[in-house]
Amino acid sequence: MRLNDKEIQAIEQAARESFAPRSTVRLFGSRLDDDRRGGDIDLLIEPPVPPTPQELVEQRNRFIARLYRRLGERRIDVLIVPADLPDHRPVVETARREGQLLTRVLE
């Protein structure tokens, strides 16, 4: 995994400040491959209950803004998909299957 401790801590803290308890954050995509270079940070957030459309926008914006403050502006892709809802988009299926758990938001 090509994230350093500072990046992981920033993601964990931003997730705690932005998402409901029991939400999970997974890293997926090119940052999982230690042999590659560069690439954006791809994150799958799975809240335990579906947020309303307004909550979804607010949570995503708050999360990304906090990451930018802690890490500087970088290419960060965030998917937010409720944990118990099926989603057959290939990117979501791949993220769920291959993604590495970074953190779980505690209560």
PDB file of N, CA and C in Angstrom:
ATOM      1  N   MET A   1       0.864  -1.176   0.000  1.00  0.00           N
ATOM      2  CA  MET A   1       0.000   0.000   0.000  1.00  0.00           C
ATOM      3  C   MET A   1       0.908   1.236   0.000  1.00  0.00           C
ATOM      4  N   ARG A   2       0.607   2.167  -0.881  1.00  0.00           N
ATOM      5  CA  ARG A   2       1.433   3.356  -1.006  1.00  0.00           C
ATOM      6  C   ARG A   2       0.774   4.577  -0.355  1.00  0.00           C
ATOM      7  N   LEU A   3       0.563   4.477   0.934  1.00  0.00           N
ATOM      8  CA  LEU A   3       0.168   5.618   1.757  1.00  0.00           C
ATOM      9  C   LEU A   3       1.094   5.621   2.958  1.00  0.00           C
ATOM     10  N   ASN A   4       1.563   6.794   3.335  1.00  0.00           N
ATOM     11  CA  ASN A   4       2.405   6.848   4.525  1.00  0.00           C
ATOM     12  C   ASN A   4       1.533   7.038   5.771  1.00  0.00           C
ATOM     13  N   ASP A   5       2.164   6.992   6.926  1.00  0.00           N
ATOM     14  CA  ASP A   5       1.416   7.094   8.189  1.00  0.00           C
ATOM     15  C   ASP A   5       0.641   8.400   8.300  1.00  0.00           C
ATOM     16  N   LYS A   6       1.255   9.505   7.852  1.00  0.00           N
ATOM     17  CA  LYS A   6       0.576  10.798   7.908  1.00  0.00           C
ATOM     18  C   LYS A   6      -0.696  10.781   7.064  1.00  0.00           C
ATOM     19  N   GLU A   7      -0.626  10.213   5.878  1.00  0.00           N
ATOM     20  CA  GLU A   7      -1.787  10.149   4.996  1.00  0.00           C
ATOM     21  C   GLU A   7      -2.889   9.276   5.600  1.00  0.00           C
ATOM     22  N   ILE A   8      -2.499   8.146   6.159  1.00  0.00           N
ATOM     23  CA  ILE A   8      -3.489   7.248   6.783  1.00  0.00           C
ATOM     24  C   ILE A   8      -4.153   7.937   7.969  1.00  0.00           C
ATOM     25  N   GLN A   9      -3.372   8.592   8.813  1.00  0.00           N
ATOM     26  CA  GLN A   9      -3.936   9.294   9.971  1.00  0.00           C
ATOM     27  C   GLN A   9      -4.873  10.416   9.532  1.00  0.00           C
ATOM     28  N   ALA A  10      -4.513  11.123   8.477  1.00  0.00           N
ATOM     29  CA  ALA A  10      -5.372  12.202   7.970  1.00  0.00           C
ATOM     30  C   ALA A  10      -6.700  11.640   7.478  1.00  0.00           C
ATOM     31  N   ILE A  11      -6.661  10.525   6.777  1.00  0.00           N
ATOM     32  CA  ILE A  11      -7.890   9.887   6.287  1.00  0.00           C
ATOM     33  C   ILE A  11      -8.742   9.423   7.463  1.00  0.00           C
ATOM     34  N   GLU A  12      -8.120   8.797   8.448  1.00  0.00           N
ATOM     35  CA  GLU A  12      -8.859   8.323   9.625  1.00  0.00           C
ATOM     36  C   GLU A  12      -9.533   9.478  10.354  1.00  0.00           C
ATOM     37  N   GLN A  13      -8.797  10.554  10.584  1.00  0.00           N
ATOM     38  CA  GLN A  13      -9.351  11.690  11.325  1.00  0.00           C
ATOM     39  C   GLN A  13     -10.465  12.373  10.529  1.00  0.00           C
ATOM     40  N   ALA A  14     -10.261  12.576   9.239  1.00  0.00           N
ATOM     41  CA  ALA A  14     -11.294  13.200   8.410  1.00  0.00           C
ATOM     42  C   ALA A  14     -12.548  12.335   8.367  1.00  0.00           C
ATOM     43  N   ALA A  15     -12.386  11.022   8.334  1.00  0.00           N
ATOM     44  CA  ALA A  15     -13.537  10.110   8.326  1.00  0.00           C
ATOM     45  C   ALA A  15     -14.314  10.217   9.636  1.00  0.00           C
ATOM     46  N   ARG A  16     -13.599  10.253  10.766  1.00  0.00           N
ATOM     47  CA  ARG A  16     -14.260  10.386  12.071  1.00  0.00           C
ATOM     48  C   ARG A  16     -15.064  11.670  12.165  1.00  0.00           C
ATOM     49  N   GLU A  17     -14.566  12.728  11.544  1.00  0.00           N
ATOM     50  CA  GLU A  17     -15.226  14.025  11.606  1.00  0.00           C
ATOM     51  C   GLU A  17     -16.344  14.179  10.580  1.00  0.00           C
ATOM     52  N   SER A  18     -16.435  13.260   9.639  1.00  0.00           N
ATOM     53  CA  SER A  18     -17.358  13.445   8.518  1.00  0.00           C
ATOM     54  C   SER A  18     -18.456  12.398   8.390  1.00  0.00           C
ATOM     55  N   PHE A  19     -18.216  11.190   8.889  1.00  0.00           N
ATOM     56  CA  PHE A  19     -19.161  10.104   8.627  1.00  0.00           C
ATOM     57  C   PHE A  19     -19.710   9.497   9.913  1.00  0.00           C
ATOM     58  N   ALA A  20     -20.820   8.810   9.767  1.00  0.00           N
ATOM     59  CA  ALA A  20     -21.513   8.196  10.910  1.00  0.00           C
ATOM     60  C   ALA A  20     -20.672   7.072  11.519  1.00  0.00           C
ATOM     61  N   PRO A  21     -20.866   6.828  12.814  1.00  0.00           N
ATOM     62  CA  PRO A  21     -20.206   5.679  13.438  1.00  0.00           C
ATOM     63  C   PRO A  21     -20.522   4.392  12.672  1.00  0.00           C
ATOM     64  N   ARG A  22     -19.559   3.497  12.656  1.00  0.00           N
ATOM     65  CA  ARG A  22     -19.610   2.201  11.979  1.00  0.00           C
ATOM     66  C   ARG A  22     -19.400   2.309  10.466  1.00  0.00           C
ATOM     67  N   SER A  23     -19.118   3.505   9.975  1.00  0.00           N
ATOM     68  CA  SER A  23     -18.735   3.648   8.568  1.00  0.00           C
ATOM     69  C   SER A  23     -17.333   3.061   8.398  1.00  0.00           C
ATOM     70  N   THR A  24     -17.073   2.489   7.222  1.00  0.00           N
ATOM     71  CA  THR A  24     -15.744   1.966   6.921  1.00  0.00           C
ATOM     72  C   THR A  24     -15.139   2.753   5.762  1.00  0.00           C
ATOM     73  N   VAL A  25     -13.818   2.780   5.754  1.00  0.00           N
ATOM     74  CA  VAL A  25     -13.075   3.448   4.683  1.00  0.00           C
ATOM     75  C   VAL A  25     -12.091   2.430   4.117  1.00  0.00           C
ATOM     76  N   ARG A  26     -12.182   2.209   2.807  1.00  0.00           N
ATOM     77  CA  ARG A  26     -11.276   1.282   2.124  1.00  0.00           C
ATOM     78  C   ARG A  26     -10.483   2.019   1.055  1.00  0.00           C
ATOM     79  N   LEU A  27      -9.222   1.676   0.957  1.00  0.00           N
ATOM     80  CA  LEU A  27      -8.366   2.143  -0.123  1.00  0.00           C
ATOM     81  C   LEU A  27      -8.433   1.123  -1.239  1.00  0.00           C
ATOM     82  N   PHE A  28      -8.576   1.596  -2.478  1.00  0.00           N
ATOM     83  CA  PHE A  28      -8.554   0.678  -3.617  1.00  0.00           C
ATOM     84  C   PHE A  28      -7.828   1.353  -4.766  1.00  0.00           C
ATOM     85  N   GLY A  29      -7.610   0.621  -5.828  1.00  0.00           N
ATOM     86  CA  GLY A  29      -6.983   1.189  -7.014  1.00  0.00           C
ATOM     87  C   GLY A  29      -5.469   1.101  -6.985  1.00  0.00           C
ATOM     88  N   SER A  30      -4.831   1.988  -7.729  1.00  0.00           N
ATOM     89  CA  SER A  30      -3.391   1.907  -7.968  1.00  0.00           C
ATOM     90  C   SER A  30      -2.554   2.075  -6.706  1.00  0.00           C
ATOM     91  N   ARG A  31      -3.071   2.727  -5.694  1.00  0.00           N
ATOM     92  CA  ARG A  31      -2.287   2.929  -4.466  1.00  0.00           C
ATOM     93  C   ARG A  31      -2.083   1.638  -3.669  1.00  0.00           C
ATOM     94  N   LEU A  32      -2.778   0.570  -4.049  1.00  0.00           N
ATOM     95  CA  LEU A  32      -2.548  -0.714  -3.392  1.00  0.00           C
ATOM     96  C   LEU A  32      -1.316  -1.427  -3.939  1.00  0.00           C
ATOM     97  N   ASP A  33      -0.854  -1.021  -5.113  1.00  0.00           N
ATOM     98  CA  ASP A  33       0.252  -1.689  -5.786  1.00  0.00           C
ATOM     99  C   ASP A  33       1.563  -0.974  -5.448  1.00  0.00           C
ATOM    100  N   ASP A  34       2.409  -1.638  -4.658  1.00  0.00           N
ATOM    101  CA  ASP A  34       3.679  -1.043  -4.236  1.00  0.00           C
ATOM    102  C   ASP A  34       4.652  -0.822  -5.384  1.00  0.00           C
ATOM    103  N   ASP A  35       4.456  -1.488  -6.490  1.00  0.00           N
ATOM    104  CA  ASP A  35       5.373  -1.371  -7.623  1.00  0.00           C
ATOM    105  C   ASP A  35       5.041  -0.212  -8.553  1.00  0.00           C
ATOM    106  N   ARG A  36       3.913   0.408  -8.366  1.00  0.00           N
ATOM    107  CA  ARG A  36       3.516   1.533  -9.222  1.00  0.00           C
ATOM    108  C   ARG A  36       3.941   2.840  -8.586  1.00  0.00           C
ATOM    109  N   ARG A  37       3.821   3.909  -9.360  1.00  0.00           N
ATOM    110  CA  ARG A  37       4.154   5.235  -8.851  1.00  0.00           C
ATOM    111  C   ARG A  37       2.994   6.164  -9.142  1.00  0.00           C
ATOM    112  N   GLY A  38       2.883   7.220  -8.329  1.00  0.00           N
ATOM    113  CA  GLY A  38       1.855   8.218  -8.568  1.00  0.00           C
ATOM    114  C   GLY A  38       0.455   7.661  -8.380  1.00  0.00           C
ATOM    115  N   GLY A  39      -0.485   8.279  -9.048  1.00  0.00           N
ATOM    116  CA  GLY A  39      -1.870   7.844  -8.971  1.00  0.00           C
ATOM    117  C   GLY A  39      -2.642   8.586  -7.906  1.00  0.00           C
ATOM    118  N   ASP A  40      -3.942   8.650  -8.109  1.00  0.00           N
ATOM    119  CA  ASP A  40      -4.788   9.320  -7.127  1.00  0.00           C
ATOM    120  C   ASP A  40      -5.076   8.392  -5.959  1.00  0.00           C
ATOM    121  N   ILE A  41      -5.674   8.955  -4.943  1.00  0.00           N
ATOM    122  CA  ILE A  41      -6.083   8.176  -3.767  1.00  0.00           C
ATOM    123  C   ILE A  41      -7.554   7.840  -3.963  1.00  0.00           C
ATOM    124  N   ASP A  42      -7.849   6.558  -4.148  1.00  0.00           N
ATOM    125  CA  ASP A  42      -9.219   6.085  -4.356  1.00  0.00           C
ATOM    126  C   ASP A  42      -9.744   5.510  -3.049  1.00  0.00           C
ATOM    127  N   LEU A  43     -10.851   6.067  -2.561  1.00  0.00           N
ATOM    128  CA  LEU A  43     -11.418   5.636  -1.286  1.00  0.00           C
ATOM    129  C   LEU A  43     -12.883   5.252  -1.454  1.00  0.00           C
ATOM    130  N   LEU A  44     -13.250   4.150  -0.843  1.00  0.00           N
ATOM    131  CA  LEU A  44     -14.642   3.722  -0.775  1.00  0.00           C
ATOM    132  C   LEU A  44     -15.093   3.895   0.664  1.00  0.00           C
ATOM    133  N   ILE A  45     -16.117   4.712   0.870  1.00  0.00           N
ATOM    134  CA  ILE A  45     -16.700   4.927   2.190  1.00  0.00           C
ATOM    135  C   ILE A  45     -18.024   4.170   2.212  1.00  0.00           C
ATOM    136  N   GLU A  46     -18.206   3.336   3.230  1.00  0.00           N
ATOM    137  CA  GLU A  46     -19.456   2.576   3.367  1.00  0.00           C
ATOM    138  C   GLU A  46     -20.113   2.920   4.707  1.00  0.00           C
ATOM    139  N   PRO A  47     -21.056   3.862   4.688  1.00  0.00           N
ATOM    140  CA  PRO A  47     -21.797   4.172   5.914  1.00  0.00           C
ATOM    141  C   PRO A  47     -22.778   3.032   6.223  1.00  0.00           C
ATOM    142  N   PRO A  48     -23.134   2.865   7.496  1.00  0.00           N
ATOM    143  CA  PRO A  48     -24.035   1.774   7.863  1.00  0.00           C
ATOM    144  C   PRO A  48     -25.474   1.983   7.396  1.00  0.00           C
ATOM    145  N   VAL A  49     -25.874   3.225   7.224  1.00  0.00           N
ATOM    146  CA  VAL A  49     -27.233   3.530   6.736  1.00  0.00           C
ATOM    147  C   VAL A  49     -27.117   4.536   5.596  1.00  0.00           C
ATOM    148  N   PRO A  50     -28.021   4.449   4.634  1.00  0.00           N
ATOM    149  CA  PRO A  50     -27.942   5.379   3.501  1.00  0.00           C
ATOM    150  C   PRO A  50     -28.182   6.818   3.935  1.00  0.00           C
ATOM    151  N   PRO A  51     -27.280   7.727   3.581  1.00  0.00           N
ATOM    152  CA  PRO A  51     -27.529   9.138   3.866  1.00  0.00           C
ATOM    153  C   PRO A  51     -28.527   9.706   2.858  1.00  0.00           C
ATOM    154  N   THR A  52     -29.188  10.772   3.238  1.00  0.00           N
ATOM    155  CA  THR A  52     -30.048  11.468   2.281  1.00  0.00           C
ATOM    156  C   THR A  52     -29.141  12.095   1.222  1.00  0.00           C
ATOM    157  N   PRO A  53     -29.688  12.475   0.078  1.00  0.00           N
ATOM    158  CA  PRO A  53     -28.844  13.132  -0.926  1.00  0.00           C
ATOM    159  C   PRO A  53     -28.120  14.360  -0.388  1.00  0.00           C
ATOM    160  N   GLN A  54     -28.800  15.170   0.413  1.00  0.00           N
ATOM    161  CA  GLN A  54     -28.162  16.357   0.988  1.00  0.00           C
ATOM    162  C   GLN A  54     -27.038  15.963   1.947  1.00  0.00           C
ATOM    163  N   GLU A  55     -27.277  14.976   2.800  1.00  0.00           N
ATOM    164  CA  GLU A  55     -26.242  14.510   3.726  1.00  0.00           C
ATOM    165  C   GLU A  55     -25.046  13.954   2.962  1.00  0.00           C
ATOM    166  N   LEU A  56     -25.319  13.248   1.886  1.00  0.00           N
ATOM    167  CA  LEU A  56     -24.253  12.675   1.080  1.00  0.00           C
ATOM    168  C   LEU A  56     -23.318  13.764   0.548  1.00  0.00           C
ATOM    169  N   VAL A  57     -23.883  14.805  -0.002  1.00  0.00           N
ATOM    170  CA  VAL A  57     -23.085  15.922  -0.535  1.00  0.00           C
ATOM    171  C   VAL A  57     -22.321  16.602   0.597  1.00  0.00           C
ATOM    172  N   GLU A  58     -22.991  16.870   1.710  1.00  0.00           N
ATOM    173  CA  GLU A  58     -22.339  17.541   2.835  1.00  0.00           C
ATOM    174  C   GLU A  58     -21.194  16.703   3.404  1.00  0.00           C
ATOM    175  N   GLN A  59     -21.428  15.408   3.580  1.00  0.00           N
ATOM    176  CA  GLN A  59     -20.395  14.534   4.141  1.00  0.00           C
ATOM    177  C   GLN A  59     -19.186  14.432   3.217  1.00  0.00           C
ATOM    178  N   ARG A  60     -19.452  14.259   1.935  1.00  0.00           N
ATOM    179  CA  ARG A  60     -18.358  14.128   0.960  1.00  0.00           C
ATOM    180  C   ARG A  60     -17.543  15.424   0.917  1.00  0.00           C
ATOM    181  N   ASN A  61     -18.208  16.563   0.848  1.00  0.00           N
ATOM    182  CA  ASN A  61     -17.497  17.842   0.802  1.00  0.00           C
ATOM    183  C   ASN A  61     -16.692  18.089   2.074  1.00  0.00           C
ATOM    184  N   ARG A  62     -17.279  17.788   3.221  1.00  0.00           N
ATOM    185  CA  ARG A  62     -16.583  17.976   4.503  1.00  0.00           C
ATOM    186  C   ARG A  62     -15.334  17.073   4.557  1.00  0.00           C
ATOM    187  N   PHE A  63     -15.488  15.818   4.143  1.00  0.00           N
ATOM    188  CA  PHE A  63     -14.391  14.858   4.163  1.00  0.00           C
ATOM    189  C   PHE A  63     -13.233  15.323   3.263  1.00  0.00           C
ATOM    190  N   ILE A  64     -13.546  15.685   2.039  1.00  0.00           N
ATOM    191  CA  ILE A  64     -12.502  16.098   1.098  1.00  0.00           C
ATOM    192  C   ILE A  64     -11.851  17.403   1.554  1.00  0.00           C
ATOM    193  N   ALA A  65     -12.634  18.345   2.059  1.00  0.00           N
ATOM    194  CA  ALA A  65     -12.060  19.601   2.549  1.00  0.00           C
ATOM    195  C   ALA A  65     -11.084  19.345   3.695  1.00  0.00           C
ATOM    196  N   ARG A  66     -11.438  18.449   4.588  1.00  0.00           N
ATOM    197  CA  ARG A  66     -10.548  18.136   5.710  1.00  0.00           C
ATOM    198  C   ARG A  66      -9.277  17.440   5.226  1.00  0.00           C
ATOM    199  N   LEU A  67      -9.414  16.568   4.236  1.00  0.00           N
ATOM    200  CA  LEU A  67      -8.224  15.925   3.681  1.00  0.00           C
ATOM    201  C   LEU A  67      -7.309  16.939   3.006  1.00  0.00           C
ATOM    202  N   TYR A  68      -7.880  17.858   2.245  1.00  0.00           N
ATOM    203  CA  TYR A  68      -7.073  18.890   1.581  1.00  0.00           C
ATOM    204  C   TYR A  68      -6.334  19.737   2.607  1.00  0.00           C
ATOM    205  N   ARG A  69      -6.984  20.069   3.715  1.00  0.00           N
ATOM    206  CA  ARG A  69      -6.316  20.862   4.758  1.00  0.00           C
ATOM    207  C   ARG A  69      -5.142  20.108   5.363  1.00  0.00           C
ATOM    208  N   ARG A  70      -5.298  18.807   5.516  1.00  0.00           N
ATOM    209  CA  ARG A  70      -4.255  18.011   6.166  1.00  0.00           C
ATOM    210  C   ARG A  70      -3.156  17.557   5.199  1.00  0.00           C
ATOM    211  N   LEU A  71      -3.509  17.324   3.947  1.00  0.00           N
ATOM    212  CA  LEU A  71      -2.562  16.740   2.998  1.00  0.00           C
ATOM    213  C   LEU A  71      -2.185  17.658   1.848  1.00  0.00           C
ATOM    214  N   GLY A  72      -2.875  18.775   1.720  1.00  0.00           N
ATOM    215  CA  GLY A  72      -2.707  19.592   0.537  1.00  0.00           C
ATOM    216  C   GLY A  72      -3.612  19.047  -0.567  1.00  0.00           C
ATOM    217  N   GLU A  73      -3.789  19.851  -1.592  1.00  0.00           N
ATOM    218  CA  GLU A  73      -4.684  19.408  -2.662  1.00  0.00           C
ATOM    219  C   GLU A  73      -4.019  18.302  -3.460  1.00  0.00           C
ATOM    220  N   ARG A  74      -4.724  17.201  -3.556  1.00  0.00           N
ATOM    221  CA  ARG A  74      -4.278  16.028  -4.298  1.00  0.00           C
ATOM    222  C   ARG A  74      -5.468  15.468  -5.045  1.00  0.00           C
ATOM    223  N   ARG A  75      -5.181  14.566  -5.930  1.00  0.00           N
ATOM    224  CA  ARG A  75      -6.280  13.885  -6.614  1.00  0.00           C
ATOM    225  C   ARG A  75      -6.812  12.809  -5.671  1.00  0.00           C
ATOM    226  N   ILE A  76      -8.048  13.007  -5.230  1.00  0.00           N
ATOM    227  CA  ILE A  76      -8.695  12.067  -4.318  1.00  0.00           C
ATOM    228  C   ILE A  76     -10.067  11.752  -4.898  1.00  0.00           C
ATOM    229  N   ASP A  77     -10.319  10.476  -5.127  1.00  0.00           N
ATOM    230  CA  ASP A  77     -11.628  10.037  -5.598  1.00  0.00           C
ATOM    231  C   ASP A  77     -12.331   9.338  -4.443  1.00  0.00           C
ATOM    232  N   VAL A  78     -13.563   9.765  -4.171  1.00  0.00           N
ATOM    233  CA  VAL A  78     -14.319   9.211  -3.048  1.00  0.00           C
ATOM    234  C   VAL A  78     -15.639   8.663  -3.559  1.00  0.00           C
ATOM    235  N   LEU A  79     -15.873   7.381  -3.291  1.00  0.00           N
ATOM    236  CA  LEU A  79     -17.168   6.753  -3.545  1.00  0.00           C
ATOM    237  C   LEU A  79     -17.829   6.546  -2.199  1.00  0.00           C
ATOM    238  N   ILE A  80     -19.091   6.911  -2.089  1.00  0.00           N
ATOM    239  CA  ILE A  80     -19.840   6.669  -0.859  1.00  0.00           C
ATOM    240  C   ILE A  80     -21.009   5.773  -1.217  1.00  0.00           C
ATOM    241  N   VAL A  81     -20.975   4.546  -0.688  1.00  0.00           N
ATOM    242  CA  VAL A  81     -21.988   3.544  -0.998  1.00  0.00           C
ATOM    243  C   VAL A  81     -22.396   2.869   0.310  1.00  0.00           C
ATOM    244  N   PRO A  82     -23.678   2.943   0.694  1.00  0.00           N
ATOM    245  CA  PRO A  82     -24.102   2.292   1.940  1.00  0.00           C
ATOM    246  C   PRO A  82     -23.696   0.816   1.972  1.00  0.00           C
ATOM    247  N   ALA A  83     -23.224   0.394   3.121  1.00  0.00           N
ATOM    248  CA  ALA A  83     -22.633  -0.934   3.291  1.00  0.00           C
ATOM    249  C   ALA A  83     -23.560  -2.079   2.895  1.00  0.00           C
ATOM    250  N   ASP A  84     -24.819  -1.987   3.233  1.00  0.00           N
ATOM    251  CA  ASP A  84     -25.711  -3.123   3.027  1.00  0.00           C
ATOM    252  C   ASP A  84     -26.482  -3.073   1.719  1.00  0.00           C
ATOM    253  N   LEU A  85     -26.237  -2.060   0.909  1.00  0.00           N
ATOM    254  CA  LEU A  85     -26.964  -1.950  -0.354  1.00  0.00           C
ATOM    255  C   LEU A  85     -26.126  -2.504  -1.500  1.00  0.00           C
ATOM    256  N   PRO A  86     -26.742  -3.337  -2.332  1.00  0.00           N
ATOM    257  CA  PRO A  86     -25.997  -3.826  -3.490  1.00  0.00           C
ATOM    258  C   PRO A  86     -25.728  -2.680  -4.461  1.00  0.00           C
ATOM    259  N   ASP A  87     -24.577  -2.733  -5.081  1.00  0.00           N
ATOM    260  CA  ASP A  87     -24.218  -1.751  -6.097  1.00  0.00           C
ATOM    261  C   ASP A  87     -23.374  -2.494  -7.122  1.00  0.00           C
ATOM    262  N   HIS A  88     -23.905  -2.652  -8.316  1.00  0.00           N
ATOM    263  CA  HIS A  88     -23.259  -3.493  -9.319  1.00  0.00           C
ATOM    264  C   HIS A  88     -22.390  -2.712 -10.294  1.00  0.00           C
ATOM    265  N   ARG A  89     -22.117  -1.466  -9.990  1.00  0.00           N
ATOM    266  CA  ARG A  89     -21.164  -0.734 -10.825  1.00  0.00           C
ATOM    267  C   ARG A  89     -19.806  -1.415 -10.693  1.00  0.00           C
ATOM    268  N   PRO A  90     -19.112  -1.632 -11.803  1.00  0.00           N
ATOM    269  CA  PRO A  90     -17.821  -2.326 -11.735  1.00  0.00           C
ATOM    270  C   PRO A  90     -16.826  -1.697 -10.763  1.00  0.00           C
ATOM    271  N   VAL A  91     -16.756  -0.380 -10.688  1.00  0.00           N
ATOM    272  CA  VAL A  91     -15.808   0.271  -9.787  1.00  0.00           C
ATOM    273  C   VAL A  91     -16.138  -0.047  -8.325  1.00  0.00           C
ATOM    274  N   VAL A  92     -17.410  -0.111  -7.989  1.00  0.00           N
ATOM    275  CA  VAL A  92     -17.799  -0.427  -6.607  1.00  0.00           C
ATOM    276  C   VAL A  92     -17.522  -1.896  -6.306  1.00  0.00           C
ATOM    277  N   GLU A  93     -17.853  -2.768  -7.224  1.00  0.00           N
ATOM    278  CA  GLU A  93     -17.580  -4.198  -7.017  1.00  0.00           C
ATOM    279  C   GLU A  93     -16.082  -4.445  -6.823  1.00  0.00           C
ATOM    280  N   THR A  94     -15.260  -3.788  -7.639  1.00  0.00           N
ATOM    281  CA  THR A  94     -13.807  -3.936  -7.508  1.00  0.00           C
ATOM    282  C   THR A  94     -13.327  -3.371  -6.171  1.00  0.00           C
ATOM    283  N   ALA A  95     -13.814  -2.211  -5.793  1.00  0.00           N
ATOM    284  CA  ALA A  95     -13.407  -1.599  -4.520  1.00  0.00           C
ATOM    285  C   ALA A  95     -13.781  -2.488  -3.341  1.00  0.00           C
ATOM    286  N   ARG A  96     -14.950  -3.075  -3.377  1.00  0.00           N
ATOM    287  CA  ARG A  96     -15.380  -3.951  -2.275  1.00  0.00           C
ATOM    288  C   ARG A  96     -14.568  -5.236  -2.249  1.00  0.00           C
ATOM    289  N   ARG A  97     -14.263  -5.757  -3.402  1.00  0.00           N
ATOM    290  CA  ARG A  97     -13.555  -7.040  -3.488  1.00  0.00           C
ATOM    291  C   ARG A  97     -12.066  -6.890  -3.181  1.00  0.00           C
ATOM    292  N   GLU A  98     -11.439  -5.840  -3.712  1.00  0.00           N
ATOM    293  CA  GLU A  98      -9.982  -5.721  -3.630  1.00  0.00           C
ATOM    294  C   GLU A  98      -9.503  -4.661  -2.640  1.00  0.00           C
ATOM    295  N   GLY A  99     -10.415  -3.811  -2.195  1.00  0.00           N
ATOM    296  CA  GLY A  99     -10.007  -2.705  -1.318  1.00  0.00           C
ATOM    297  C   GLY A  99      -9.484  -3.172   0.020  1.00  0.00           C
ATOM    298  N   GLN A 100      -8.578  -2.376   0.566  1.00  0.00           N
ATOM    299  CA  GLN A 100      -7.984  -2.675   1.864  1.00  0.00           C
ATOM    300  C   GLN A 100      -8.599  -1.732   2.907  1.00  0.00           C
ATOM    301  N   LEU A 101      -9.097  -2.314   3.983  1.00  0.00           N
ATOM    302  CA  LEU A 101      -9.706  -1.518   5.043  1.00  0.00           C
ATOM    303  C   LEU A 101      -8.649  -0.620   5.680  1.00  0.00           C
ATOM    304  N   LEU A 102      -8.938   0.684   5.690  1.00  0.00           N
ATOM    305  CA  LEU A 102      -8.047   1.654   6.361  1.00  0.00           C
ATOM    306  C   LEU A 102      -8.515   1.961   7.762  1.00  0.00           C
ATOM    307  N   THR A 103      -9.838   2.145   7.900  1.00  0.00           N
ATOM    308  CA  THR A 103     -10.366   2.513   9.212  1.00  0.00           C
ATOM    309  C   THR A 103     -11.851   2.236   9.288  1.00  0.00           C
ATOM    310  N   ARG A 104     -12.309   2.123  10.509  1.00  0.00           N
ATOM    311  CA  ARG A 104     -13.733   2.018  10.815  1.00  0.00           C
ATOM    312  C   ARG A 104     -14.040   3.137  11.800  1.00  0.00           C
ATOM    313  N   VAL A 105     -15.027   3.948  11.512  1.00  0.00           N
ATOM    314  CA  VAL A 105     -15.393   5.053  12.391  1.00  0.00           C
ATOM    315  C   VAL A 105     -16.048   4.469  13.646  1.00  0.00           C
ATOM    316  N   LEU A 106     -15.472   4.777  14.784  1.00  0.00           N
ATOM    317  CA  LEU A 106     -15.986   4.246  16.046  1.00  0.00           C
ATOM    318  C   LEU A 106     -17.053   5.163  16.608  1.00  0.00           C
ATOM    319  N   GLU A 107     -17.848   4.620  17.498  1.00  0.00           N
ATOM    320  CA  GLU A 107     -18.940   5.386  18.113  1.00  0.00           C
ATOM    321  C   GLU A 107     -18.425   6.302  19.187  1.00  0.00           C
TER     322      GLU A 107
END
